[in-house]
């Protein structure tokens, strides 16, 4: 007897693709506020990481004491702390009280100002104490994804947010498929549900990597369906060997198969983007390496007495911040 085509699940996947596209194209507004004497390495790392890939990404970078724009409130505020403790605290307090997530960035927790907040506003404040930019940028990406409800849009705009968003998507889908595999009320129904979940996950990952939902996604979905059949066949074969524990093997295979399929898609997209590093170590392909570590003091590169190499004169220090204006122009500050 031939099986009925699960048109309901096919339509569900099609709707999920539309939802993923809309989620990835949401407008994301981030404010970055730079305090005086803020560590230059951290400032440059934040500035380089927050270069939007899409027109839906809006990043407003200003000095910490600059007047706030009068337009729509931001989705998150990032304050790179320095010497203006009172202004930093006031800015963070105002954002948290309005329900806007705010992160205080500094080299150590000692350099972060004390911010007194009511109990209901405390969850909106986060302290990111990092001694170097290589540590800061991944933590910043995780915080942005967790603190806002625009994970897909953040991932599509800022590559350093992708690991956190994709990990959250994979974890949620894998747990659901594990439950479906372990508890199946109607024999054979788990296959349609788990495959549909994996197909939706594949579409979400594509959007997170800035891919459009074009016909090439059909090949990926076909691969997902094929992998789903393979995982299910393996789970059924193993479950027969241990009677009474089949539900456990099916649940475990539902989880592991979902994770393996998702990681394979990530590897593919990473290679397409020219990144050979593991997805969790990606910082920003647009960020020069010199911006990802704290600058050395003038004279650290000076040659020793008797050194045969000619000593180069120190380069002029880069501006401490840039201002990305709403009209798209770029201003520089000292």
C-alpha atoms as a PDB file:
ATOM      1  CA  UNK A   1       0.000   0.000   0.000  1.00  0.00           C
ATOM      2  CA  UNK A   2       1.486   3.329  -1.037  1.00  0.00           C
ATOM      3  CA  UNK A   3       1.952   5.980   1.534  1.00  0.00           C
ATOM      4  CA  UNK A   4       0.093   9.242   1.306  1.00  0.00           C
ATOM      5  CA  UNK A   5       2.131  12.303   0.478  1.00  0.00           C
ATOM      6  CA  UNK A   6       2.363  14.442   3.644  1.00  0.00           C
ATOM      7  CA  UNK A   7       1.123  17.637   2.015  1.00  0.00           C
ATOM      8  CA  UNK A   8       0.543  19.194   5.411  1.00  0.00           C
ATOM      9  CA  UNK A   9       4.224  18.895   6.305  1.00  0.00           C
ATOM     10  CA  UNK A  10       5.281  20.170   2.878  1.00  0.00           C
ATOM     11  CA  UNK A  11       3.148  23.275   3.326  1.00  0.00           C
ATOM     12  CA  UNK A  12       4.507  23.636   6.852  1.00  0.00           C
ATOM     13  CA  UNK A  13       8.072  23.671   5.514  1.00  0.00           C
ATOM     14  CA  UNK A  14       7.124  26.218   2.854  1.00  0.00           C
ATOM     15  CA  UNK A  15       5.628  28.451   5.522  1.00  0.00           C
ATOM     16  CA  UNK A  16       8.735  28.023   7.660  1.00  0.00           C
ATOM     17  CA  UNK A  17      10.863  29.231   4.750  1.00  0.00           C
ATOM     18  CA  UNK A  18       8.780  32.382   4.524  1.00  0.00           C
ATOM     19  CA  UNK A  19       9.060  32.936   8.270  1.00  0.00           C
ATOM     20  CA  UNK A  20      12.837  32.438   8.129  1.00  0.00           C
ATOM     21  CA  UNK A  21      13.182  34.947   5.302  1.00  0.00           C
ATOM     22  CA  UNK A  22      11.133  37.518   7.191  1.00  0.00           C
ATOM     23  CA  UNK A  23      13.084  36.910  10.388  1.00  0.00           C
ATOM     24  CA  UNK A  24      16.422  37.354   8.639  1.00  0.00           C
ATOM     25  CA  UNK A  25      15.337  40.611   6.990  1.00  0.00           C
ATOM     26  CA  UNK A  26      14.121  42.303  10.179  1.00  0.00           C
ATOM     27  CA  UNK A  27      15.626  45.695  10.926  1.00  0.00           C
ATOM     28  CA  UNK A  28      18.347  45.510  13.595  1.00  0.00           C
ATOM     29  CA  UNK A  29      19.357  48.711  15.385  1.00  0.00           C
ATOM     30  CA  UNK A  30      22.442  48.687  17.590  1.00  0.00           C
ATOM     31  CA  UNK A  31      23.930  51.602  19.503  1.00  0.00           C
ATOM     32  CA  UNK A  32      27.621  51.582  20.333  1.00  0.00           C
ATOM     33  CA  UNK A  33      28.815  54.218  22.784  1.00  0.00           C
ATOM     34  CA  UNK A  34      32.537  54.822  23.274  1.00  0.00           C
ATOM     35  CA  UNK A  35      33.835  56.301  26.510  1.00  0.00           C
ATOM     36  CA  UNK A  36      36.959  58.429  26.735  1.00  0.00           C
ATOM     37  CA  UNK A  37      40.127  56.418  27.425  1.00  0.00           C
ATOM     38  CA  UNK A  38      38.353  53.219  26.364  1.00  0.00           C
ATOM     39  CA  UNK A  39      40.865  50.475  25.383  1.00  0.00           C
ATOM     40  CA  UNK A  40      41.674  51.046  21.748  1.00  0.00           C
ATOM     41  CA  UNK A  41      41.903  47.334  20.975  1.00  0.00           C
ATOM     42  CA  UNK A  42      38.398  46.667  22.239  1.00  0.00           C
ATOM     43  CA  UNK A  43      37.008  49.716  20.453  1.00  0.00           C
ATOM     44  CA  UNK A  44      38.467  48.676  17.096  1.00  0.00           C
ATOM     45  CA  UNK A  45      37.324  45.082  17.559  1.00  0.00           C
ATOM     46  CA  UNK A  46      33.738  46.141  18.245  1.00  0.00           C
ATOM     47  CA  UNK A  47      33.799  48.567  15.342  1.00  0.00           C
ATOM     48  CA  UNK A  48      35.155  45.983  12.889  1.00  0.00           C
ATOM     49  CA  UNK A  49      32.788  43.222  14.046  1.00  0.00           C
ATOM     50  CA  UNK A  50      29.680  45.410  13.768  1.00  0.00           C
ATOM     51  CA  UNK A  51      29.894  45.980  10.025  1.00  0.00           C
ATOM     52  CA  UNK A  52      26.463  45.025   8.712  1.00  0.00           C
ATOM     53  CA  UNK A  53      26.284  42.748   5.686  1.00  0.00           C
ATOM     54  CA  UNK A  54      22.696  43.688   4.856  1.00  0.00           C
ATOM     55  CA  UNK A  55      20.771  46.929   4.484  1.00  0.00           C
ATOM     56  CA  UNK A  56      18.631  45.886   7.455  1.00  0.00           C
ATOM     57  CA  UNK A  57      21.554  46.315   9.856  1.00  0.00           C
ATOM     58  CA  UNK A  58      21.872  49.776  11.422  1.00  0.00           C
ATOM     59  CA  UNK A  59      24.799  50.549  13.746  1.00  0.00           C
ATOM     60  CA  UNK A  60      25.069  53.959  15.405  1.00  0.00           C
ATOM     61  CA  UNK A  61      28.510  54.613  16.944  1.00  0.00           C
ATOM     62  CA  UNK A  62      29.037  57.769  19.018  1.00  0.00           C
ATOM     63  CA  UNK A  63      30.907  59.056  22.068  1.00  0.00           C
ATOM     64  CA  UNK A  64      29.246  58.026  25.318  1.00  0.00           C
ATOM     65  CA  UNK A  65      28.188  61.591  26.112  1.00  0.00           C
ATOM     66  CA  UNK A  66      26.781  62.346  22.643  1.00  0.00           C
ATOM     67  CA  UNK A  67      23.062  63.153  22.430  1.00  0.00           C
ATOM     68  CA  UNK A  68      20.890  60.177  21.552  1.00  0.00           C
ATOM     69  CA  UNK A  69      19.157  60.143  18.158  1.00  0.00           C
ATOM     70  CA  UNK A  70      15.461  60.952  18.169  1.00  0.00           C
ATOM     71  CA  UNK A  71      14.354  58.035  16.008  1.00  0.00           C
ATOM     72  CA  UNK A  72      13.343  54.482  16.967  1.00  0.00           C
ATOM     73  CA  UNK A  73      14.825  52.940  20.112  1.00  0.00           C
ATOM     74  CA  UNK A  74      17.678  50.445  19.593  1.00  0.00           C
ATOM     75  CA  UNK A  75      17.465  46.682  19.985  1.00  0.00           C
ATOM     76  CA  UNK A  76      20.603  46.723  22.131  1.00  0.00           C
ATOM     77  CA  UNK A  77      23.196  49.158  23.491  1.00  0.00           C
ATOM     78  CA  UNK A  78      26.929  48.418  23.779  1.00  0.00           C
ATOM     79  CA  UNK A  79      29.014  50.704  26.010  1.00  0.00           C
ATOM     80  CA  UNK A  80      32.805  50.427  25.812  1.00  0.00           C
ATOM     81  CA  UNK A  81      33.837  51.751  29.211  1.00  0.00           C
ATOM     82  CA  UNK A  82      36.718  54.122  29.883  1.00  0.00           C
ATOM     83  CA  UNK A  83      37.095  57.248  31.957  1.00  0.00           C
ATOM     84  CA  UNK A  84      33.543  58.659  32.005  1.00  0.00           C
ATOM     85  CA  UNK A  85      32.157  56.472  34.783  1.00  0.00           C
ATOM     86  CA  UNK A  86      29.151  58.609  35.708  1.00  0.00           C
ATOM     87  CA  UNK A  87      28.008  59.031  32.110  1.00  0.00           C
ATOM     88  CA  UNK A  88      28.473  55.312  31.417  1.00  0.00           C
ATOM     89  CA  UNK A  89      26.390  54.379  34.460  1.00  0.00           C
ATOM     90  CA  UNK A  90      23.631  56.834  33.571  1.00  0.00           C
ATOM     91  CA  UNK A  91      23.444  55.565  30.000  1.00  0.00           C
ATOM     92  CA  UNK A  92      23.281  51.922  31.096  1.00  0.00           C
ATOM     93  CA  UNK A  93      20.700  52.683  33.783  1.00  0.00           C
ATOM     94  CA  UNK A  94      18.438  54.557  31.359  1.00  0.00           C
ATOM     95  CA  UNK A  95      18.575  51.780  28.743  1.00  0.00           C
ATOM     96  CA  UNK A  96      17.919  48.960  31.221  1.00  0.00           C
ATOM     97  CA  UNK A  97      14.984  50.795  32.804  1.00  0.00           C
ATOM     98  CA  UNK A  98      13.408  51.148  29.359  1.00  0.00           C
ATOM     99  CA  UNK A  99      13.796  47.420  28.752  1.00  0.00           C
ATOM    100  CA  UNK A 100      16.640  47.770  26.239  1.00  0.00           C
ATOM    101  CA  UNK A 101      19.462  45.210  26.663  1.00  0.00           C
ATOM    102  CA  UNK A 102      22.758  46.953  27.455  1.00  0.00           C
ATOM    103  CA  UNK A 103      26.266  45.520  27.711  1.00  0.00           C
ATOM    104  CA  UNK A 104      29.134  47.212  29.536  1.00  0.00           C
ATOM    105  CA  UNK A 105      32.412  46.257  27.864  1.00  0.00           C
ATOM    106  CA  UNK A 106      35.743  46.628  29.668  1.00  0.00           C
ATOM    107  CA  UNK A 107      39.065  44.863  30.119  1.00  0.00           C
ATOM    108  CA  UNK A 108      38.128  43.840  33.670  1.00  0.00           C
ATOM    109  CA  UNK A 109      35.083  43.969  35.925  1.00  0.00           C
ATOM    110  CA  UNK A 110      36.868  46.502  38.142  1.00  0.00           C
ATOM    111  CA  UNK A 111      36.663  49.096  35.358  1.00  0.00           C
ATOM    112  CA  UNK A 112      32.895  48.752  34.976  1.00  0.00           C
ATOM    113  CA  UNK A 113      30.808  51.403  36.765  1.00  0.00           C
ATOM    114  CA  UNK A 114      28.327  50.432  39.448  1.00  0.00           C
ATOM    115  CA  UNK A 115      24.804  50.670  38.095  1.00  0.00           C
ATOM    116  CA  UNK A 116      21.950  50.636  40.602  1.00  0.00           C
ATOM    117  CA  UNK A 117      18.837  49.137  39.035  1.00  0.00           C
ATOM    118  CA  UNK A 118      15.434  47.994  40.252  1.00  0.00           C
ATOM    119  CA  UNK A 119      14.958  44.243  40.317  1.00  0.00           C
ATOM    120  CA  UNK A 120      12.831  44.158  37.175  1.00  0.00           C
ATOM    121  CA  UNK A 121      15.485  46.017  35.126  1.00  0.00           C
ATOM    122  CA  UNK A 122      18.527  44.024  36.321  1.00  0.00           C
ATOM    123  CA  UNK A 123      18.191  41.239  33.681  1.00  0.00           C
ATOM    124  CA  UNK A 124      18.691  43.803  30.904  1.00  0.00           C
ATOM    125  CA  UNK A 125      22.234  44.669  32.074  1.00  0.00           C
ATOM    126  CA  UNK A 126      25.250  42.525  31.204  1.00  0.00           C
ATOM    127  CA  UNK A 127      28.939  42.994  31.965  1.00  0.00           C
ATOM    128  CA  UNK A 128      31.419  41.727  29.356  1.00  0.00           C
ATOM    129  CA  UNK A 129      34.858  41.876  30.971  1.00  0.00           C
ATOM    130  CA  UNK A 130      37.439  40.709  28.414  1.00  0.00           C
ATOM    131  CA  UNK A 131      41.161  41.365  28.380  1.00  0.00           C
ATOM    132  CA  UNK A 132      41.440  40.973  24.601  1.00  0.00           C
ATOM    133  CA  UNK A 133      39.269  41.243  21.520  1.00  0.00           C
ATOM    134  CA  UNK A 134      39.576  37.578  20.581  1.00  0.00           C
ATOM    135  CA  UNK A 135      37.601  36.796  23.717  1.00  0.00           C
ATOM    136  CA  UNK A 136      35.264  39.766  23.503  1.00  0.00           C
ATOM    137  CA  UNK A 137      33.766  39.310  20.041  1.00  0.00           C
ATOM    138  CA  UNK A 138      32.376  35.752  20.464  1.00  0.00           C
ATOM    139  CA  UNK A 139      30.947  36.666  23.883  1.00  0.00           C
ATOM    140  CA  UNK A 140      29.379  39.767  22.391  1.00  0.00           C
ATOM    141  CA  UNK A 141      27.735  37.670  19.683  1.00  0.00           C
ATOM    142  CA  UNK A 142      26.313  35.235  22.226  1.00  0.00           C
ATOM    143  CA  UNK A 143      24.969  38.080  24.359  1.00  0.00           C
ATOM    144  CA  UNK A 144      23.297  39.829  21.422  1.00  0.00           C
ATOM    145  CA  UNK A 145      21.535  36.650  20.305  1.00  0.00           C
ATOM    146  CA  UNK A 146      20.411  35.748  23.829  1.00  0.00           C
ATOM    147  CA  UNK A 147      19.365  39.277  24.822  1.00  0.00           C
ATOM    148  CA  UNK A 148      17.257  40.094  21.752  1.00  0.00           C
ATOM    149  CA  UNK A 149      14.556  38.319  19.765  1.00  0.00           C
ATOM    150  CA  UNK A 150      16.260  39.005  16.419  1.00  0.00           C
ATOM    151  CA  UNK A 151      18.779  36.187  16.284  1.00  0.00           C
ATOM    152  CA  UNK A 152      18.293  35.402  12.574  1.00  0.00           C
ATOM    153  CA  UNK A 153      18.609  39.058  11.569  1.00  0.00           C
ATOM    154  CA  UNK A 154      21.729  39.460  13.728  1.00  0.00           C
ATOM    155  CA  UNK A 155      23.310  36.356  12.195  1.00  0.00           C
ATOM    156  CA  UNK A 156      22.501  37.460   8.653  1.00  0.00           C
ATOM    157  CA  UNK A 157      24.069  40.880   9.265  1.00  0.00           C
ATOM    158  CA  UNK A 158      27.003  40.068  11.547  1.00  0.00           C
ATOM    159  CA  UNK A 159      28.984  36.831  10.990  1.00  0.00           C
ATOM    160  CA  UNK A 160      30.245  36.754  14.578  1.00  0.00           C
ATOM    161  CA  UNK A 161      26.640  36.244  15.763  1.00  0.00           C
ATOM    162  CA  UNK A 162      26.115  33.154  13.616  1.00  0.00           C
ATOM    163  CA  UNK A 163      27.649  30.524  15.928  1.00  0.00           C
ATOM    164  CA  UNK A 164      25.394  31.485  18.836  1.00  0.00           C
ATOM    165  CA  UNK A 165      22.218  31.707  16.739  1.00  0.00           C
ATOM    166  CA  UNK A 166      22.831  28.485  14.814  1.00  0.00           C
ATOM    167  CA  UNK A 167      23.732  26.613  17.996  1.00  0.00           C
ATOM    168  CA  UNK A 168      20.453  27.731  19.553  1.00  0.00           C
ATOM    169  CA  UNK A 169      18.478  26.658  16.469  1.00  0.00           C
ATOM    170  CA  UNK A 170      20.199  23.277  16.328  1.00  0.00           C
ATOM    171  CA  UNK A 171      19.770  22.613  20.042  1.00  0.00           C
ATOM    172  CA  UNK A 172      16.055  23.426  19.938  1.00  0.00           C
ATOM    173  CA  UNK A 173      15.376  21.282  16.844  1.00  0.00           C
ATOM    174  CA  UNK A 174      17.512  18.376  18.099  1.00  0.00           C
ATOM    175  CA  UNK A 175      15.681  18.249  21.422  1.00  0.00           C
ATOM    176  CA  UNK A 176      12.316  18.252  19.643  1.00  0.00           C
ATOM    177  CA  UNK A 177      13.367  15.462  17.288  1.00  0.00           C
ATOM    178  CA  UNK A 178      14.734  13.431  20.186  1.00  0.00           C
ATOM    179  CA  UNK A 179      11.341  13.644  21.878  1.00  0.00           C
ATOM    180  CA  UNK A 180       9.526  12.734  18.647  1.00  0.00           C
ATOM    181  CA  UNK A 181      11.789   9.717  18.092  1.00  0.00           C
ATOM    182  CA  UNK A 182      11.430   8.467  21.644  1.00  0.00           C
ATOM    183  CA  UNK A 183       7.648   8.894  21.916  1.00  0.00           C
ATOM    184  CA  UNK A 184       5.827   7.882  18.740  1.00  0.00           C
ATOM    185  CA  UNK A 185       2.097   7.333  19.042  1.00  0.00           C
ATOM    186  CA  UNK A 186       1.497   6.352  15.406  1.00  0.00           C
ATOM    187  CA  UNK A 187       4.078   4.018  13.771  1.00  0.00           C
ATOM    188  CA  UNK A 188       5.897   5.788  10.948  1.00  0.00           C
ATOM    189  CA  UNK A 189       4.656   9.254  11.862  1.00  0.00           C
ATOM    190  CA  UNK A 190       8.003  10.209  13.416  1.00  0.00           C
ATOM    191  CA  UNK A 191       9.693  10.247  10.009  1.00  0.00           C
ATOM    192  CA  UNK A 192       7.471  13.006   8.582  1.00  0.00           C
ATOM    193  CA  UNK A 193       7.713  15.159  11.700  1.00  0.00           C
ATOM    194  CA  UNK A 194      11.489  14.818  12.149  1.00  0.00           C
ATOM    195  CA  UNK A 195      12.221  15.392   8.463  1.00  0.00           C
ATOM    196  CA  UNK A 196      10.030  18.490   8.399  1.00  0.00           C
ATOM    197  CA  UNK A 197      11.838  19.828  11.488  1.00  0.00           C
ATOM    198  CA  UNK A 198      15.235  19.238   9.875  1.00  0.00           C
ATOM    199  CA  UNK A 199      14.097  20.895   6.638  1.00  0.00           C
ATOM    200  CA  UNK A 200      12.945  23.968   8.560  1.00  0.00           C
ATOM    201  CA  UNK A 201      16.255  24.002  10.423  1.00  0.00           C
ATOM    202  CA  UNK A 202      18.149  23.891   7.120  1.00  0.00           C
ATOM    203  CA  UNK A 203      16.221  26.928   5.871  1.00  0.00           C
ATOM    204  CA  UNK A 204      16.906  28.810   9.113  1.00  0.00           C
ATOM    205  CA  UNK A 205      20.642  28.077   8.869  1.00  0.00           C
ATOM    206  CA  UNK A 206      20.711  29.262   5.255  1.00  0.00           C
ATOM    207  CA  UNK A 207      19.096  32.563   6.254  1.00  0.00           C
ATOM    208  CA  UNK A 208      21.483  32.920   9.194  1.00  0.00           C
ATOM    209  CA  UNK A 209      24.370  32.675   6.734  1.00  0.00           C
ATOM    210  CA  UNK A 210      22.841  35.350   4.528  1.00  0.00           C
ATOM    211  CA  UNK A 211      21.667  32.930   1.831  1.00  0.00           C
ATOM    212  CA  UNK A 212      18.494  33.617  -0.058  1.00  0.00           C
ATOM    213  CA  UNK A 213      15.755  31.000  -0.369  1.00  0.00           C
ATOM    214  CA  UNK A 214      16.443  30.361  -4.056  1.00  0.00           C
ATOM    215  CA  UNK A 215      16.025  27.084  -6.021  1.00  0.00           C
ATOM    216  CA  UNK A 216      19.453  25.889  -4.810  1.00  0.00           C
ATOM    217  CA  UNK A 217      17.866  25.289  -1.416  1.00  0.00           C
ATOM    218  CA  UNK A 218      15.884  22.437  -3.001  1.00  0.00           C
ATOM    219  CA  UNK A 219      19.067  20.365  -3.297  1.00  0.00           C
ATOM    220  CA  UNK A 220      19.847  20.960   0.366  1.00  0.00           C
ATOM    221  CA  UNK A 221      16.341  19.930   1.382  1.00  0.00           C
ATOM    222  CA  UNK A 222      16.643  16.774  -0.738  1.00  0.00           C
ATOM    223  CA  UNK A 223      19.856  15.954   1.087  1.00  0.00           C
ATOM    224  CA  UNK A 224      18.160  16.541   4.426  1.00  0.00           C
ATOM    225  CA  UNK A 225      15.322  14.176   3.499  1.00  0.00           C
ATOM    226  CA  UNK A 226      17.791  11.515   2.354  1.00  0.00           C
ATOM    227  CA  UNK A 227      19.797  11.818   5.547  1.00  0.00           C
ATOM    228  CA  UNK A 228      16.579  11.543   7.570  1.00  0.00           C
ATOM    229  CA  UNK A 229      15.709   8.224   5.923  1.00  0.00           C
ATOM    230  CA  UNK A 230      19.215   6.948   6.606  1.00  0.00           C
ATOM    231  CA  UNK A 231      19.158   7.912  10.281  1.00  0.00           C
ATOM    232  CA  UNK A 232      15.719   6.380  10.772  1.00  0.00           C
ATOM    233  CA  UNK A 233      16.741   3.107   9.098  1.00  0.00           C
ATOM    234  CA  UNK A 234      19.819   2.911  11.325  1.00  0.00           C
ATOM    235  CA  UNK A 235      17.763   3.604  14.446  1.00  0.00           C
ATOM    236  CA  UNK A 236      15.243   0.883  13.540  1.00  0.00           C
ATOM    237  CA  UNK A 237      18.013  -1.640  12.879  1.00  0.00           C
ATOM    238  CA  UNK A 238      19.746  -0.938  16.190  1.00  0.00           C
ATOM    239  CA  UNK A 239      16.479  -0.927  18.169  1.00  0.00           C
ATOM    240  CA  UNK A 240      15.749  -4.488  17.035  1.00  0.00           C
ATOM    241  CA  UNK A 241      18.963  -5.688  18.648  1.00  0.00           C
ATOM    242  CA  UNK A 242      17.918  -4.507  22.114  1.00  0.00           C
ATOM    243  CA  UNK A 243      14.210  -5.153  22.665  1.00  0.00           C
ATOM    244  CA  UNK A 244      12.556  -2.750  25.065  1.00  0.00           C
ATOM    245  CA  UNK A 245      15.081   0.027  24.514  1.00  0.00           C
ATOM    246  CA  UNK A 246      14.148   0.937  20.974  1.00  0.00           C
ATOM    247  CA  UNK A 247      12.624   4.213  22.101  1.00  0.00           C
ATOM    248  CA  UNK A 248      15.969   5.269  23.576  1.00  0.00           C
ATOM    249  CA  UNK A 249      17.904   4.530  20.396  1.00  0.00           C
ATOM    250  CA  UNK A 250      15.330   6.307  18.249  1.00  0.00           C
ATOM    251  CA  UNK A 251      15.431   9.361  20.481  1.00  0.00           C
ATOM    252  CA  UNK A 252      19.234   9.412  20.506  1.00  0.00           C
ATOM    253  CA  UNK A 253      19.358   9.015  16.726  1.00  0.00           C
ATOM    254  CA  UNK A 254      16.818  11.809  16.310  1.00  0.00           C
ATOM    255  CA  UNK A 255      19.065  14.120  18.310  1.00  0.00           C
ATOM    256  CA  UNK A 256      22.393  13.039  16.796  1.00  0.00           C
ATOM    257  CA  UNK A 257      21.059  12.964  13.235  1.00  0.00           C
ATOM    258  CA  UNK A 258      19.697  16.496  13.525  1.00  0.00           C
ATOM    259  CA  UNK A 259      22.995  17.817  14.901  1.00  0.00           C
ATOM    260  CA  UNK A 260      25.057  16.022  12.242  1.00  0.00           C
ATOM    261  CA  UNK A 261      22.901  17.333   9.381  1.00  0.00           C
ATOM    262  CA  UNK A 262      23.069  20.897  10.716  1.00  0.00           C
ATOM    263  CA  UNK A 263      26.845  20.792  11.218  1.00  0.00           C
ATOM    264  CA  UNK A 264      27.318  19.525   7.671  1.00  0.00           C
ATOM    265  CA  UNK A 265      25.408  22.547   6.355  1.00  0.00           C
ATOM    266  CA  UNK A 266      27.529  24.857   8.489  1.00  0.00           C
ATOM    267  CA  UNK A 267      30.752  23.361   7.135  1.00  0.00           C
ATOM    268  CA  UNK A 268      29.494  23.841   3.598  1.00  0.00           C
ATOM    269  CA  UNK A 269      28.589  27.483   4.154  1.00  0.00           C
ATOM    270  CA  UNK A 270      31.877  28.156   5.939  1.00  0.00           C
ATOM    271  CA  UNK A 271      33.816  26.796   2.973  1.00  0.00           C
ATOM    272  CA  UNK A 272      31.716  28.819   0.553  1.00  0.00           C
ATOM    273  CA  UNK A 273      32.533  31.931   2.559  1.00  0.00           C
ATOM    274  CA  UNK A 274      36.250  31.142   2.459  1.00  0.00           C
ATOM    275  CA  UNK A 275      36.563  30.360   6.146  1.00  0.00           C
ATOM    276  CA  UNK A 276      38.468  27.194   7.014  1.00  0.00           C
ATOM    277  CA  UNK A 277      38.191  27.666  10.777  1.00  0.00           C
ATOM    278  CA  UNK A 278      35.569  25.928  12.927  1.00  0.00           C
ATOM    279  CA  UNK A 279      32.344  27.910  12.956  1.00  0.00           C
ATOM    280  CA  UNK A 280      32.642  28.617  16.691  1.00  0.00           C
ATOM    281  CA  UNK A 281      35.961  30.418  16.262  1.00  0.00           C
ATOM    282  CA  UNK A 282      34.866  32.882  13.598  1.00  0.00           C
ATOM    283  CA  UNK A 283      35.353  36.500  14.600  1.00  0.00           C
ATOM    284  CA  UNK A 284      34.865  38.660  11.534  1.00  0.00           C
ATOM    285  CA  UNK A 285      36.251  38.032   8.063  1.00  0.00           C
ATOM    286  CA  UNK A 286      36.314  41.777   7.542  1.00  0.00           C
ATOM    287  CA  UNK A 287      38.445  42.496  10.606  1.00  0.00           C
ATOM    288  CA  UNK A 288      42.211  42.801  10.027  1.00  0.00           C
ATOM    289  CA  UNK A 289      44.267  40.764  12.476  1.00  0.00           C
ATOM    290  CA  UNK A 290      45.883  43.907  13.868  1.00  0.00           C
ATOM    291  CA  UNK A 291      42.477  45.040  15.145  1.00  0.00           C
ATOM    292  CA  UNK A 292      41.919  41.845  17.111  1.00  0.00           C
ATOM    293  CA  UNK A 293      44.553  42.363  19.760  1.00  0.00           C
ATOM    294  CA  UNK A 294      45.454  45.174  22.120  1.00  0.00           C
ATOM    295  CA  UNK A 295      47.945  47.635  20.626  1.00  0.00           C
ATOM    296  CA  UNK A 296      51.425  47.757  22.046  1.00  0.00           C
ATOM    297  CA  UNK A 297      52.862  50.899  23.525  1.00  0.00           C
ATOM    298  CA  UNK A 298      54.969  53.186  21.424  1.00  0.00           C
ATOM    299  CA  UNK A 299      58.557  51.981  21.540  1.00  0.00           C
ATOM    300  CA  UNK A 300      57.766  48.303  22.045  1.00  0.00           C
ATOM    301  CA  UNK A 301      58.982  47.593  18.514  1.00  0.00           C
ATOM    302  CA  UNK A 302      62.092  49.710  18.828  1.00  0.00           C
ATOM    303  CA  UNK A 303      65.240  47.882  17.792  1.00  0.00           C
ATOM    304  CA  UNK A 304      67.863  46.992  20.336  1.00  0.00           C
ATOM    305  CA  UNK A 305      71.334  48.495  20.294  1.00  0.00           C
ATOM    306  CA  UNK A 306      73.385  46.868  17.586  1.00  0.00           C
ATOM    307  CA  UNK A 307      70.390  45.529  15.719  1.00  0.00           C
ATOM    308  CA  UNK A 308      71.215  45.335  12.047  1.00  0.00           C
ATOM    309  CA  UNK A 309      67.611  46.052  10.976  1.00  0.00           C
ATOM    310  CA  UNK A 310      66.539  49.585  10.394  1.00  0.00           C
ATOM    311  CA  UNK A 311      63.952  50.796  12.913  1.00  0.00           C
ATOM    312  CA  UNK A 312      60.784  52.087  11.294  1.00  0.00           C
ATOM    313  CA  UNK A 313      59.228  55.261  12.671  1.00  0.00           C
ATOM    314  CA  UNK A 314      56.037  54.658  14.678  1.00  0.00           C
ATOM    315  CA  UNK A 315      52.832  54.902  12.674  1.00  0.00           C
ATOM    316  CA  UNK A 316      50.302  57.572  13.429  1.00  0.00           C
ATOM    317  CA  UNK A 317      47.703  56.334  15.893  1.00  0.00           C
ATOM    318  CA  UNK A 318      44.319  55.494  14.399  1.00  0.00           C
ATOM    319  CA  UNK A 319      41.263  57.451  15.545  1.00  0.00           C
ATOM    320  CA  UNK A 320      39.712  56.073  18.701  1.00  0.00           C
ATOM    321  CA  UNK A 321      36.265  55.698  17.186  1.00  0.00           C
ATOM    322  CA  UNK A 322      34.202  56.206  14.070  1.00  0.00           C
ATOM    323  CA  UNK A 323      30.670  57.487  13.781  1.00  0.00           C
ATOM    324  CA  UNK A 324      28.380  55.700  11.343  1.00  0.00           C
ATOM    325  CA  UNK A 325      25.814  58.403  10.657  1.00  0.00           C
ATOM    326  CA  UNK A 326      22.167  57.582   9.836  1.00  0.00           C
ATOM    327  CA  UNK A 327      22.626  58.878   6.283  1.00  0.00           C
ATOM    328  CA  UNK A 328      25.407  56.349   5.645  1.00  0.00           C
ATOM    329  CA  UNK A 329      28.314  58.775   5.938  1.00  0.00           C
ATOM    330  CA  UNK A 330      31.281  57.969   8.152  1.00  0.00           C
ATOM    331  CA  UNK A 331      32.781  60.479  10.539  1.00  0.00           C
ATOM    332  CA  UNK A 332      35.994  60.107  12.521  1.00  0.00           C
ATOM    333  CA  UNK A 333      36.705  61.127  16.078  1.00  0.00           C
ATOM    334  CA  UNK A 334      39.835  61.527  18.143  1.00  0.00           C
END
